[in-house]
């Protein structure tokens, strides 16, 4: 798979593109989604933060990609339910939920909300299988609890690149996508992903 390839600009699934199609191994029962009371349990993980810092230092700065710039986009192309909003109070180290949880069946394709460079794409402690992308504006997008990862560390990606599929790996109680936007690399620099995307023309909820 060429991770620099753009997905269809109309945002529709391409039946001729195997990366846009679900396989029986990807998807469980369509009703297999996070219960409304099943909050994301992922929290501060010092090992992940150390790995992220080391990887971030090793990955070059994002350079302009060839071709016309893409707008920001939703990370999911199917209907989803918000199972945990950003900022709700809880027993997290930060004192609140640091991202937004979007409940979808396991195996649902997950796409990059913006362009950037993949800093980490592997098991990420409490976040399970996760992809962290450094975007050109200096923000970081973290896609957590994935069932499958489709990009590699160091890959330059564009808006809409498929980065993996949803799951419940790590500290999660059911299949969903945990989307976290950080203004800096470190834990505690999280910002509201709904507002971040809204300012860039994307309505998430």
N, C-alpha and C. Protein backbone atom coordinates (compact mmCIF):
# COMPACT_ATOMS: atom_id res chain seq x y z
N UNK A 1 0.84 -1.21 0.00
CA UNK A 1 0.00 0.00 0.00
C UNK A 1 0.87 1.24 0.00
N UNK A 2 0.58 2.18 -0.88
CA UNK A 2 1.30 3.45 -0.92
C UNK A 2 0.55 4.44 -0.04
N UNK A 3 1.16 4.78 1.11
CA UNK A 3 0.46 5.61 2.08
C UNK A 3 0.41 7.06 1.66
N UNK A 4 1.07 7.43 0.57
CA UNK A 4 0.98 8.80 0.08
C UNK A 4 -0.17 8.97 -0.90
N UNK A 5 -0.82 7.85 -1.26
CA UNK A 5 -1.94 7.94 -2.19
C UNK A 5 -3.14 8.59 -1.52
N UNK A 6 -3.83 9.42 -2.25
CA UNK A 6 -5.04 10.05 -1.75
C UNK A 6 -6.21 9.10 -1.91
N UNK A 7 -7.15 9.16 -0.96
CA UNK A 7 -8.39 8.43 -1.14
C UNK A 7 -9.28 9.25 -2.06
N UNK A 8 -10.39 8.67 -2.47
CA UNK A 8 -11.29 9.36 -3.38
C UNK A 8 -11.73 10.70 -2.80
N UNK A 9 -11.67 11.78 -3.57
CA UNK A 9 -12.03 13.09 -3.04
C UNK A 9 -13.49 13.21 -2.64
N UNK A 10 -14.37 12.31 -3.17
CA UNK A 10 -15.77 12.40 -2.78
C UNK A 10 -16.04 11.75 -1.44
N UNK A 11 -15.01 11.11 -0.87
CA UNK A 11 -15.16 10.51 0.44
C UNK A 11 -15.94 9.22 0.46
N UNK A 12 -16.24 8.64 -0.70
CA UNK A 12 -17.00 7.41 -0.77
C UNK A 12 -16.08 6.21 -0.83
N UNK A 13 -16.59 5.07 -0.40
CA UNK A 13 -15.82 3.84 -0.47
C UNK A 13 -15.65 3.43 -1.93
N UNK A 14 -14.42 3.11 -2.30
CA UNK A 14 -14.11 2.68 -3.66
C UNK A 14 -14.10 1.16 -3.69
N UNK A 15 -15.02 0.51 -4.40
CA UNK A 15 -15.07 -0.95 -4.42
C UNK A 15 -13.86 -1.58 -5.10
N UNK A 16 -13.10 -0.80 -5.86
CA UNK A 16 -11.91 -1.33 -6.51
C UNK A 16 -10.65 -1.16 -5.66
N UNK A 17 -10.81 -0.51 -4.51
CA UNK A 17 -9.67 -0.30 -3.61
C UNK A 17 -9.79 -1.23 -2.42
N UNK A 18 -8.93 -2.26 -2.32
CA UNK A 18 -9.04 -3.23 -1.22
C UNK A 18 -8.90 -2.59 0.15
N UNK A 19 -8.21 -1.45 0.23
CA UNK A 19 -8.05 -0.79 1.52
C UNK A 19 -9.32 -0.11 1.98
N UNK A 20 -10.29 0.08 1.07
CA UNK A 20 -11.55 0.70 1.44
C UNK A 20 -12.62 -0.33 1.81
N UNK A 21 -12.32 -1.60 1.62
CA UNK A 21 -13.32 -2.63 1.82
C UNK A 21 -13.08 -3.38 3.13
N UNK A 22 -14.17 -3.78 3.76
CA UNK A 22 -14.09 -4.59 4.97
C UNK A 22 -14.06 -6.05 4.57
N UNK A 23 -13.32 -6.84 5.33
CA UNK A 23 -13.28 -8.28 5.12
C UNK A 23 -13.95 -8.94 6.31
N UNK A 24 -14.34 -10.22 6.19
CA UNK A 24 -14.94 -10.92 7.32
C UNK A 24 -14.05 -10.92 8.56
N UNK A 25 -12.72 -10.89 8.35
CA UNK A 25 -11.80 -10.87 9.49
C UNK A 25 -11.77 -9.52 10.18
N UNK A 26 -12.20 -8.49 9.48
CA UNK A 26 -12.15 -7.13 10.03
C UNK A 26 -13.32 -6.81 10.94
N UNK A 27 -14.49 -7.35 10.62
CA UNK A 27 -15.72 -6.87 11.24
C UNK A 27 -16.40 -7.95 12.06
N UNK A 28 -16.84 -7.55 13.24
CA UNK A 28 -17.66 -8.44 14.05
C UNK A 28 -19.11 -8.02 13.87
N UNK A 29 -19.97 -8.47 14.73
CA UNK A 29 -21.38 -8.14 14.63
C UNK A 29 -21.60 -6.63 14.62
N UNK A 30 -22.43 -6.10 13.72
CA UNK A 30 -22.65 -4.65 13.64
C UNK A 30 -23.12 -4.04 14.95
N UNK A 31 -23.72 -4.85 15.82
CA UNK A 31 -24.17 -4.31 17.09
C UNK A 31 -23.09 -4.32 18.15
N UNK A 32 -21.92 -4.79 17.79
CA UNK A 32 -20.82 -4.92 18.75
C UNK A 32 -20.12 -3.58 18.91
N UNK A 33 -20.77 -2.68 19.62
CA UNK A 33 -20.20 -1.37 19.84
C UNK A 33 -20.19 -1.08 21.33
N UNK A 34 -19.49 -0.01 21.69
CA UNK A 34 -19.34 0.34 23.09
C UNK A 34 -20.68 0.68 23.73
N UNK A 35 -20.93 0.11 24.88
CA UNK A 35 -22.12 0.44 25.65
C UNK A 35 -22.04 1.88 26.11
N UNK A 36 -23.18 2.59 26.21
CA UNK A 36 -23.14 3.99 26.63
C UNK A 36 -22.43 4.21 27.95
N UNK A 37 -22.38 3.19 28.81
CA UNK A 37 -21.74 3.35 30.11
C UNK A 37 -20.29 2.86 30.10
N UNK A 38 -19.83 2.37 28.97
CA UNK A 38 -18.47 1.86 28.86
C UNK A 38 -17.54 2.97 28.42
N UNK A 39 -16.95 3.67 29.37
CA UNK A 39 -16.05 4.77 29.05
C UNK A 39 -14.67 4.25 28.71
N UNK A 40 -13.94 5.05 27.96
CA UNK A 40 -12.56 4.74 27.62
C UNK A 40 -11.72 4.76 28.89
N UNK A 41 -10.93 3.72 29.12
CA UNK A 41 -10.13 3.64 30.33
C UNK A 41 -8.68 4.04 30.11
N UNK A 42 -8.31 4.35 28.87
CA UNK A 42 -6.93 4.72 28.58
C UNK A 42 -6.55 5.98 29.35
N UNK A 43 -5.33 5.99 29.87
CA UNK A 43 -4.88 7.12 30.67
C UNK A 43 -3.39 7.29 30.47
N UNK A 44 -2.80 8.14 31.27
CA UNK A 44 -1.37 8.42 31.18
C UNK A 44 -0.58 7.13 31.29
N UNK A 45 0.31 6.91 30.36
CA UNK A 45 1.18 5.73 30.35
C UNK A 45 2.60 6.21 30.13
N UNK A 46 3.44 6.19 31.18
CA UNK A 46 4.79 6.74 31.06
C UNK A 46 5.64 6.07 29.99
N UNK A 47 5.45 4.77 29.80
CA UNK A 47 6.23 4.07 28.78
C UNK A 47 5.86 4.56 27.38
N UNK A 48 4.56 4.74 27.15
CA UNK A 48 4.13 5.26 25.85
C UNK A 48 4.65 6.67 25.64
N UNK A 49 4.56 7.52 26.65
CA UNK A 49 5.01 8.90 26.51
C UNK A 49 6.51 8.96 26.23
N UNK A 50 7.29 8.08 26.88
CA UNK A 50 8.73 8.02 26.62
C UNK A 50 9.01 7.56 25.19
N UNK A 51 8.28 6.53 24.76
CA UNK A 51 8.45 6.03 23.39
C UNK A 51 8.07 7.10 22.37
N UNK A 52 7.01 7.83 22.67
CA UNK A 52 6.55 8.87 21.76
C UNK A 52 7.58 9.99 21.64
N UNK A 53 8.17 10.37 22.77
CA UNK A 53 9.18 11.43 22.76
C UNK A 53 10.39 11.01 21.94
N UNK A 54 10.84 9.76 22.13
CA UNK A 54 12.00 9.27 21.39
C UNK A 54 11.70 9.18 19.89
N UNK A 55 10.52 8.68 19.55
CA UNK A 55 10.16 8.54 18.15
C UNK A 55 9.98 9.90 17.49
N UNK A 56 9.41 10.84 18.23
CA UNK A 56 9.17 12.17 17.68
C UNK A 56 10.49 12.85 17.33
N UNK A 57 11.50 12.63 18.17
CA UNK A 57 12.80 13.23 17.91
C UNK A 57 13.48 12.61 16.70
N UNK A 58 13.12 11.36 16.40
CA UNK A 58 13.77 10.65 15.30
C UNK A 58 13.09 10.87 13.95
N UNK A 59 11.84 11.33 13.98
CA UNK A 59 11.09 11.52 12.73
C UNK A 59 11.27 12.94 12.24
N UNK A 60 11.63 13.13 10.98
CA UNK A 60 11.85 14.48 10.43
C UNK A 60 10.60 15.34 10.51
N UNK A 61 10.80 16.64 10.42
CA UNK A 61 9.67 17.56 10.40
C UNK A 61 8.82 17.31 9.15
N UNK A 62 7.56 17.63 9.26
CA UNK A 62 6.65 17.46 8.13
C UNK A 62 6.99 18.45 7.04
N UNK A 63 7.15 17.96 5.84
CA UNK A 63 7.37 18.82 4.69
C UNK A 63 6.13 18.80 3.81
N UNK A 64 6.03 19.80 2.98
CA UNK A 64 4.86 19.89 2.10
C UNK A 64 4.79 18.68 1.19
N UNK A 65 3.61 18.11 1.07
CA UNK A 65 3.40 16.98 0.18
C UNK A 65 3.04 17.49 -1.21
N UNK A 66 3.40 16.71 -2.20
CA UNK A 66 3.09 17.12 -3.56
C UNK A 66 1.60 17.01 -3.80
N UNK A 67 1.11 17.78 -4.74
CA UNK A 67 -0.31 17.74 -5.06
C UNK A 67 -1.08 18.80 -4.30
N UNK A 68 -2.33 19.00 -4.65
CA UNK A 68 -3.14 20.03 -4.01
C UNK A 68 -3.39 19.69 -2.54
N UNK A 69 -3.45 20.70 -1.68
CA UNK A 69 -3.70 20.43 -0.26
C UNK A 69 -5.10 19.90 -0.05
N UNK A 70 -5.26 19.05 0.93
CA UNK A 70 -6.56 18.50 1.26
C UNK A 70 -7.11 19.18 2.50
N UNK A 71 -8.40 19.34 2.54
CA UNK A 71 -9.02 19.86 3.75
C UNK A 71 -9.00 18.78 4.83
N UNK A 72 -9.33 19.19 6.03
CA UNK A 72 -9.46 18.22 7.11
C UNK A 72 -10.72 17.40 6.88
N UNK A 73 -10.82 16.27 7.56
CA UNK A 73 -11.95 15.37 7.34
C UNK A 73 -12.27 14.59 8.61
N UNK A 74 -13.41 13.97 8.61
CA UNK A 74 -13.78 13.09 9.72
C UNK A 74 -12.91 11.83 9.70
N UNK A 75 -12.69 11.24 10.88
CA UNK A 75 -11.90 10.01 10.91
C UNK A 75 -12.70 8.77 10.54
N UNK A 76 -14.01 8.89 10.48
CA UNK A 76 -14.89 7.76 10.15
C UNK A 76 -15.85 8.17 9.04
N UNK A 77 -16.18 7.20 8.18
CA UNK A 77 -17.09 7.48 7.07
C UNK A 77 -18.43 6.78 7.21
N UNK A 78 -18.69 6.28 8.37
CA UNK A 78 -19.97 5.65 8.65
C UNK A 78 -20.55 6.32 9.89
N UNK A 79 -21.80 6.03 10.15
CA UNK A 79 -22.45 6.61 11.32
C UNK A 79 -21.80 6.06 12.58
N UNK A 80 -21.70 6.92 13.57
CA UNK A 80 -21.11 6.50 14.84
C UNK A 80 -21.89 7.14 15.98
N UNK A 81 -21.64 6.64 17.16
CA UNK A 81 -22.24 7.20 18.36
C UNK A 81 -21.13 7.68 19.28
N UNK A 82 -21.28 8.86 19.83
CA UNK A 82 -20.29 9.37 20.78
C UNK A 82 -20.55 8.68 22.12
N UNK A 83 -19.62 7.83 22.53
CA UNK A 83 -19.80 7.10 23.78
C UNK A 83 -19.13 7.79 24.96
N UNK A 84 -18.20 8.70 24.70
CA UNK A 84 -17.58 9.49 25.77
C UNK A 84 -17.06 10.78 25.15
N UNK A 85 -17.58 11.89 25.61
CA UNK A 85 -17.18 13.18 25.06
C UNK A 85 -15.86 13.66 25.66
N UNK A 86 -15.26 14.59 24.97
CA UNK A 86 -14.04 15.21 25.48
C UNK A 86 -14.36 16.03 26.73
N UNK A 87 -13.46 15.94 27.72
CA UNK A 87 -13.55 16.81 28.89
C UNK A 87 -14.42 16.33 30.02
N UNK A 88 -15.11 15.19 29.86
CA UNK A 88 -15.92 14.71 30.98
C UNK A 88 -15.02 14.35 32.14
N UNK A 89 -15.49 14.61 33.35
CA UNK A 89 -14.69 14.37 34.54
C UNK A 89 -14.63 12.88 34.85
N UNK A 90 -13.49 12.46 35.35
CA UNK A 90 -13.31 11.05 35.67
C UNK A 90 -12.00 10.81 36.38
N UNK A 91 -11.66 9.55 36.55
CA UNK A 91 -10.47 9.17 37.30
C UNK A 91 -9.22 9.08 36.44
N UNK A 92 -9.13 9.94 35.45
CA UNK A 92 -7.92 10.02 34.64
C UNK A 92 -6.90 10.91 35.34
N UNK A 93 -5.63 10.73 35.05
CA UNK A 93 -4.59 11.57 35.65
C UNK A 93 -4.86 13.04 35.34
N UNK A 94 -5.31 13.32 34.13
CA UNK A 94 -5.60 14.69 33.74
C UNK A 94 -6.85 15.23 34.42
N UNK A 95 -7.64 14.34 35.02
CA UNK A 95 -8.88 14.75 35.67
C UNK A 95 -10.07 14.77 34.74
N UNK A 96 -9.82 14.54 33.46
CA UNK A 96 -10.90 14.54 32.47
C UNK A 96 -10.54 13.63 31.31
N UNK A 97 -11.52 13.32 30.49
CA UNK A 97 -11.30 12.49 29.31
C UNK A 97 -10.55 13.32 28.28
N UNK A 98 -9.42 12.83 27.81
CA UNK A 98 -8.52 13.63 26.97
C UNK A 98 -8.82 13.55 25.48
N UNK A 99 -9.83 12.79 25.11
CA UNK A 99 -10.20 12.70 23.70
C UNK A 99 -11.69 12.53 23.57
N UNK A 100 -12.13 12.09 22.41
CA UNK A 100 -13.54 11.78 22.19
C UNK A 100 -13.61 10.34 21.71
N UNK A 101 -14.59 9.59 22.23
CA UNK A 101 -14.76 8.19 21.86
C UNK A 101 -15.93 8.05 20.90
N UNK A 102 -15.66 7.44 19.77
CA UNK A 102 -16.66 7.24 18.73
C UNK A 102 -16.93 5.74 18.60
N UNK A 103 -18.09 5.31 19.02
CA UNK A 103 -18.43 3.89 19.04
C UNK A 103 -18.84 3.41 17.66
N UNK A 104 -18.11 2.43 17.17
CA UNK A 104 -18.38 1.79 15.88
C UNK A 104 -18.01 0.32 16.00
N UNK A 105 -18.51 -0.53 15.11
CA UNK A 105 -18.14 -1.94 15.16
C UNK A 105 -16.64 -2.14 14.97
N UNK A 106 -16.14 -3.18 15.58
CA UNK A 106 -14.73 -3.53 15.40
C UNK A 106 -14.45 -3.75 13.92
N UNK A 107 -13.33 -3.20 13.43
CA UNK A 107 -12.96 -3.36 12.03
C UNK A 107 -13.39 -2.22 11.13
N UNK A 108 -14.05 -1.21 11.69
CA UNK A 108 -14.46 -0.06 10.88
C UNK A 108 -13.22 0.73 10.43
N UNK A 109 -13.09 1.06 9.15
CA UNK A 109 -11.91 1.81 8.69
C UNK A 109 -11.80 3.16 9.39
N UNK A 110 -10.57 3.51 9.74
CA UNK A 110 -10.26 4.79 10.38
C UNK A 110 -9.34 5.57 9.45
N UNK A 111 -9.65 6.85 9.25
CA UNK A 111 -8.90 7.68 8.31
C UNK A 111 -8.30 8.89 9.01
N UNK A 112 -7.20 9.38 8.46
CA UNK A 112 -6.51 10.54 9.02
C UNK A 112 -7.37 11.79 8.89
N UNK A 113 -7.50 12.55 9.98
CA UNK A 113 -8.28 13.79 9.93
C UNK A 113 -7.52 14.91 9.23
N UNK A 114 -6.20 14.77 9.16
CA UNK A 114 -5.36 15.76 8.50
C UNK A 114 -4.07 15.13 8.03
N UNK A 115 -3.31 15.87 7.25
CA UNK A 115 -2.04 15.36 6.75
C UNK A 115 -0.98 15.43 7.84
N UNK A 116 0.15 14.77 7.60
CA UNK A 116 1.24 14.82 8.57
C UNK A 116 2.20 13.67 8.39
N UNK A 117 2.97 13.42 9.43
CA UNK A 117 3.93 12.32 9.43
C UNK A 117 3.61 11.41 10.60
N UNK A 118 3.68 10.11 10.36
CA UNK A 118 3.39 9.13 11.40
C UNK A 118 4.58 9.04 12.36
N UNK A 119 4.35 9.42 13.59
CA UNK A 119 5.41 9.38 14.60
C UNK A 119 5.50 7.99 15.23
N UNK A 120 4.37 7.44 15.59
CA UNK A 120 4.30 6.09 16.15
C UNK A 120 3.15 5.34 15.51
N UNK A 121 3.35 4.06 15.25
CA UNK A 121 2.29 3.21 14.71
C UNK A 121 2.54 1.80 15.24
N UNK A 122 2.11 1.56 16.47
CA UNK A 122 2.38 0.28 17.11
C UNK A 122 1.61 0.20 18.43
N UNK A 123 1.87 -0.87 19.17
CA UNK A 123 1.26 -0.99 20.49
C UNK A 123 1.72 0.19 21.34
N UNK A 124 0.76 0.85 21.99
CA UNK A 124 1.05 2.09 22.70
C UNK A 124 0.50 2.08 24.12
N UNK A 125 0.78 0.99 24.82
CA UNK A 125 0.41 0.89 26.23
C UNK A 125 -1.09 0.91 26.43
N UNK A 126 -1.56 1.79 27.32
CA UNK A 126 -2.98 1.86 27.64
C UNK A 126 -3.83 2.21 26.42
N UNK A 127 -3.22 2.85 25.42
CA UNK A 127 -3.95 3.20 24.20
C UNK A 127 -4.08 2.02 23.25
N UNK A 128 -3.47 0.88 23.58
CA UNK A 128 -3.53 -0.28 22.72
C UNK A 128 -2.79 -0.05 21.41
N UNK A 129 -3.27 -0.68 20.34
CA UNK A 129 -2.70 -0.40 19.02
C UNK A 129 -3.12 1.01 18.63
N UNK A 130 -2.13 1.86 18.39
CA UNK A 130 -2.46 3.27 18.14
C UNK A 130 -1.53 3.87 17.10
N UNK A 131 -2.00 4.93 16.48
CA UNK A 131 -1.22 5.70 15.51
C UNK A 131 -1.20 7.15 15.99
N UNK A 132 0.00 7.71 16.07
CA UNK A 132 0.16 9.12 16.42
C UNK A 132 0.75 9.85 15.23
N UNK A 133 0.08 10.91 14.80
CA UNK A 133 0.49 11.68 13.63
C UNK A 133 0.82 13.11 14.04
N UNK A 134 2.00 13.58 13.64
CA UNK A 134 2.36 14.99 13.84
C UNK A 134 1.92 15.76 12.60
N UNK A 135 1.07 16.75 12.80
CA UNK A 135 0.52 17.51 11.68
C UNK A 135 1.33 18.78 11.43
N UNK A 136 1.22 19.36 10.25
CA UNK A 136 2.04 20.53 9.90
C UNK A 136 1.87 21.72 10.83
N UNK A 137 0.71 21.82 11.50
CA UNK A 137 0.50 22.95 12.41
C UNK A 137 1.08 22.71 13.79
N UNK A 138 1.78 21.59 13.97
CA UNK A 138 2.41 21.29 15.24
C UNK A 138 1.55 20.50 16.20
N UNK A 139 0.29 20.27 15.84
CA UNK A 139 -0.58 19.47 16.67
C UNK A 139 -0.35 17.98 16.39
N UNK A 140 -0.78 17.16 17.33
CA UNK A 140 -0.64 15.71 17.20
C UNK A 140 -2.03 15.08 17.25
N UNK A 141 -2.28 14.15 16.35
CA UNK A 141 -3.54 13.40 16.34
C UNK A 141 -3.24 11.97 16.75
N UNK A 142 -3.94 11.50 17.77
CA UNK A 142 -3.74 10.15 18.30
C UNK A 142 -5.01 9.35 18.06
N UNK A 143 -4.87 8.23 17.36
CA UNK A 143 -5.98 7.33 17.05
C UNK A 143 -5.73 6.05 17.83
N UNK A 144 -6.56 5.77 18.82
CA UNK A 144 -6.24 4.70 19.77
C UNK A 144 -7.25 3.56 19.76
N UNK A 145 -6.81 2.44 20.36
CA UNK A 145 -7.59 1.21 20.53
C UNK A 145 -7.90 0.53 19.20
N UNK A 146 -7.00 0.69 18.23
CA UNK A 146 -7.23 0.11 16.91
C UNK A 146 -7.14 -1.41 16.94
N UNK A 147 -7.85 -2.03 16.03
CA UNK A 147 -7.76 -3.46 15.83
C UNK A 147 -6.63 -3.81 14.86
N UNK A 148 -6.41 -2.89 13.92
CA UNK A 148 -5.37 -3.10 12.91
C UNK A 148 -4.77 -1.76 12.52
N UNK A 149 -3.46 -1.75 12.30
CA UNK A 149 -2.73 -0.55 11.88
C UNK A 149 -2.32 -0.71 10.43
N UNK A 150 -2.52 0.34 9.62
CA UNK A 150 -2.26 0.25 8.18
C UNK A 150 -1.16 1.18 7.70
N UNK A 151 -0.49 1.88 8.61
CA UNK A 151 0.59 2.79 8.22
C UNK A 151 1.84 2.46 9.03
N UNK A 152 2.96 2.99 8.57
CA UNK A 152 4.23 2.73 9.23
C UNK A 152 4.81 4.01 9.81
N UNK A 153 5.62 3.84 10.83
CA UNK A 153 6.32 4.98 11.42
C UNK A 153 7.16 5.68 10.36
N UNK A 154 7.08 7.00 10.32
CA UNK A 154 7.85 7.78 9.36
C UNK A 154 7.13 8.07 8.06
N UNK A 155 5.98 7.40 7.83
CA UNK A 155 5.23 7.62 6.59
C UNK A 155 4.59 9.00 6.58
N UNK A 156 4.66 9.67 5.44
CA UNK A 156 3.94 10.93 5.26
C UNK A 156 2.56 10.60 4.73
N UNK A 157 1.56 11.12 5.38
CA UNK A 157 0.19 10.79 4.98
C UNK A 157 -0.59 12.06 4.69
N UNK A 158 -1.67 11.90 3.96
CA UNK A 158 -2.55 13.01 3.63
C UNK A 158 -3.90 12.82 4.29
N UNK A 159 -4.67 13.87 4.30
CA UNK A 159 -6.03 13.79 4.81
C UNK A 159 -6.77 12.66 4.10
N UNK A 160 -7.39 11.80 4.87
CA UNK A 160 -8.16 10.71 4.28
C UNK A 160 -7.40 9.42 4.09
N UNK A 161 -6.09 9.41 4.37
CA UNK A 161 -5.34 8.16 4.29
C UNK A 161 -5.89 7.18 5.32
N UNK A 162 -6.12 5.95 4.91
CA UNK A 162 -6.58 4.95 5.87
C UNK A 162 -5.41 4.58 6.78
N UNK A 163 -5.61 4.76 8.08
CA UNK A 163 -4.53 4.47 9.02
C UNK A 163 -4.74 3.17 9.78
N UNK A 164 -5.92 2.61 9.71
CA UNK A 164 -6.17 1.36 10.41
C UNK A 164 -7.65 1.07 10.51
N UNK A 165 -8.01 0.22 11.47
CA UNK A 165 -9.41 -0.10 11.71
C UNK A 165 -9.68 -0.10 13.20
N UNK A 166 -10.89 0.21 13.56
CA UNK A 166 -11.26 0.37 14.97
C UNK A 166 -11.24 -0.96 15.71
N UNK A 167 -11.06 -0.86 17.03
CA UNK A 167 -11.03 -2.05 17.85
C UNK A 167 -11.23 -1.72 19.31
N UNK A 168 -10.70 -2.58 20.17
CA UNK A 168 -10.82 -2.36 21.61
C UNK A 168 -9.54 -2.78 22.32
N UNK A 169 -8.40 -2.59 21.66
CA UNK A 169 -7.12 -2.98 22.26
C UNK A 169 -6.73 -1.98 23.34
N UNK A 170 -5.86 -2.43 24.24
CA UNK A 170 -5.44 -1.58 25.34
C UNK A 170 -6.51 -1.52 26.41
N UNK A 171 -6.53 -0.43 27.15
CA UNK A 171 -7.51 -0.26 28.22
C UNK A 171 -8.80 0.32 27.65
N UNK A 172 -9.60 -0.57 27.11
CA UNK A 172 -10.88 -0.17 26.53
C UNK A 172 -11.91 -1.23 26.87
N UNK A 173 -13.15 -0.81 27.04
CA UNK A 173 -14.19 -1.74 27.44
C UNK A 173 -15.06 -2.21 26.28
N UNK A 174 -14.82 -1.68 25.10
CA UNK A 174 -15.58 -2.08 23.93
C UNK A 174 -15.01 -1.42 22.70
N UNK A 175 -15.37 -1.88 21.51
CA UNK A 175 -14.81 -1.32 20.28
C UNK A 175 -15.24 0.11 20.03
N UNK A 176 -14.27 0.96 19.81
CA UNK A 176 -14.52 2.37 19.50
C UNK A 176 -13.22 3.00 19.04
N UNK A 177 -13.31 4.19 18.49
CA UNK A 177 -12.12 4.98 18.16
C UNK A 177 -11.98 6.08 19.20
N UNK A 178 -10.83 6.12 19.84
CA UNK A 178 -10.50 7.24 20.74
C UNK A 178 -9.64 8.20 19.92
N UNK A 179 -10.20 9.37 19.63
CA UNK A 179 -9.47 10.40 18.88
C UNK A 179 -9.02 11.48 19.85
N UNK A 180 -7.73 11.70 19.90
CA UNK A 180 -7.16 12.69 20.81
C UNK A 180 -6.31 13.67 20.00
N UNK A 181 -6.51 14.96 20.23
CA UNK A 181 -5.71 15.99 19.59
C UNK A 181 -4.89 16.69 20.67
N UNK A 182 -3.58 16.77 20.46
CA UNK A 182 -2.69 17.43 21.42
C UNK A 182 -2.07 18.66 20.76
N UNK A 183 -1.98 19.73 21.53
CA UNK A 183 -1.33 20.94 21.01
C UNK A 183 0.18 20.81 21.05
N UNK A 184 0.65 19.92 21.91
CA UNK A 184 2.08 19.56 21.97
C UNK A 184 2.15 18.05 22.06
N UNK A 185 3.35 17.53 22.13
CA UNK A 185 3.49 16.07 22.13
C UNK A 185 3.01 15.44 23.44
N UNK A 186 3.30 16.06 24.56
CA UNK A 186 3.12 15.41 25.85
C UNK A 186 1.69 15.30 26.35
N UNK A 187 1.50 14.35 27.24
CA UNK A 187 0.22 14.14 27.91
C UNK A 187 -0.15 15.40 28.69
N UNK A 188 -1.43 15.76 28.63
CA UNK A 188 -1.89 16.95 29.32
C UNK A 188 -2.02 18.15 28.42
N UNK A 189 -1.56 18.02 27.16
CA UNK A 189 -1.68 19.13 26.21
C UNK A 189 -2.89 18.95 25.30
N UNK A 190 -3.79 18.06 25.70
CA UNK A 190 -4.97 17.76 24.88
C UNK A 190 -5.87 18.97 24.72
N UNK A 191 -6.51 19.05 23.57
CA UNK A 191 -7.51 20.09 23.30
C UNK A 191 -8.76 19.41 22.78
N UNK A 192 -9.84 20.15 22.72
CA UNK A 192 -11.12 19.59 22.28
C UNK A 192 -11.07 19.25 20.79
N UNK A 193 -11.14 17.96 20.43
CA UNK A 193 -11.06 17.60 19.00
C UNK A 193 -12.25 18.09 18.19
N UNK A 194 -13.41 18.23 18.82
CA UNK A 194 -14.58 18.73 18.10
C UNK A 194 -14.36 20.18 17.68
N UNK A 195 -13.85 20.99 18.59
CA UNK A 195 -13.59 22.39 18.27
C UNK A 195 -12.42 22.53 17.29
N UNK A 196 -11.41 21.70 17.48
CA UNK A 196 -10.25 21.75 16.58
C UNK A 196 -10.68 21.52 15.14
N UNK A 197 -11.49 20.49 14.92
CA UNK A 197 -11.94 20.17 13.56
C UNK A 197 -12.96 21.19 13.06
N UNK A 198 -13.80 21.69 13.96
CA UNK A 198 -14.81 22.67 13.55
C UNK A 198 -14.15 23.93 13.01
N UNK A 199 -13.04 24.34 13.62
CA UNK A 199 -12.33 25.53 13.15
C UNK A 199 -11.69 25.30 11.79
N UNK A 200 -11.62 24.05 11.39
CA UNK A 200 -11.03 23.69 10.10
C UNK A 200 -12.09 23.18 9.13
N UNK A 201 -13.33 23.50 9.43
CA UNK A 201 -14.42 23.22 8.51
C UNK A 201 -15.04 21.85 8.58
N UNK A 202 -14.75 21.09 9.66
CA UNK A 202 -15.27 19.73 9.77
C UNK A 202 -16.17 19.63 11.00
N UNK A 203 -17.39 19.20 10.78
CA UNK A 203 -18.32 18.98 11.89
C UNK A 203 -18.25 17.52 12.30
N UNK A 204 -17.73 17.28 13.49
CA UNK A 204 -17.57 15.90 13.96
C UNK A 204 -18.83 15.38 14.62
N UNK A 205 -19.49 16.22 15.41
CA UNK A 205 -20.71 15.80 16.10
C UNK A 205 -21.82 16.81 15.85
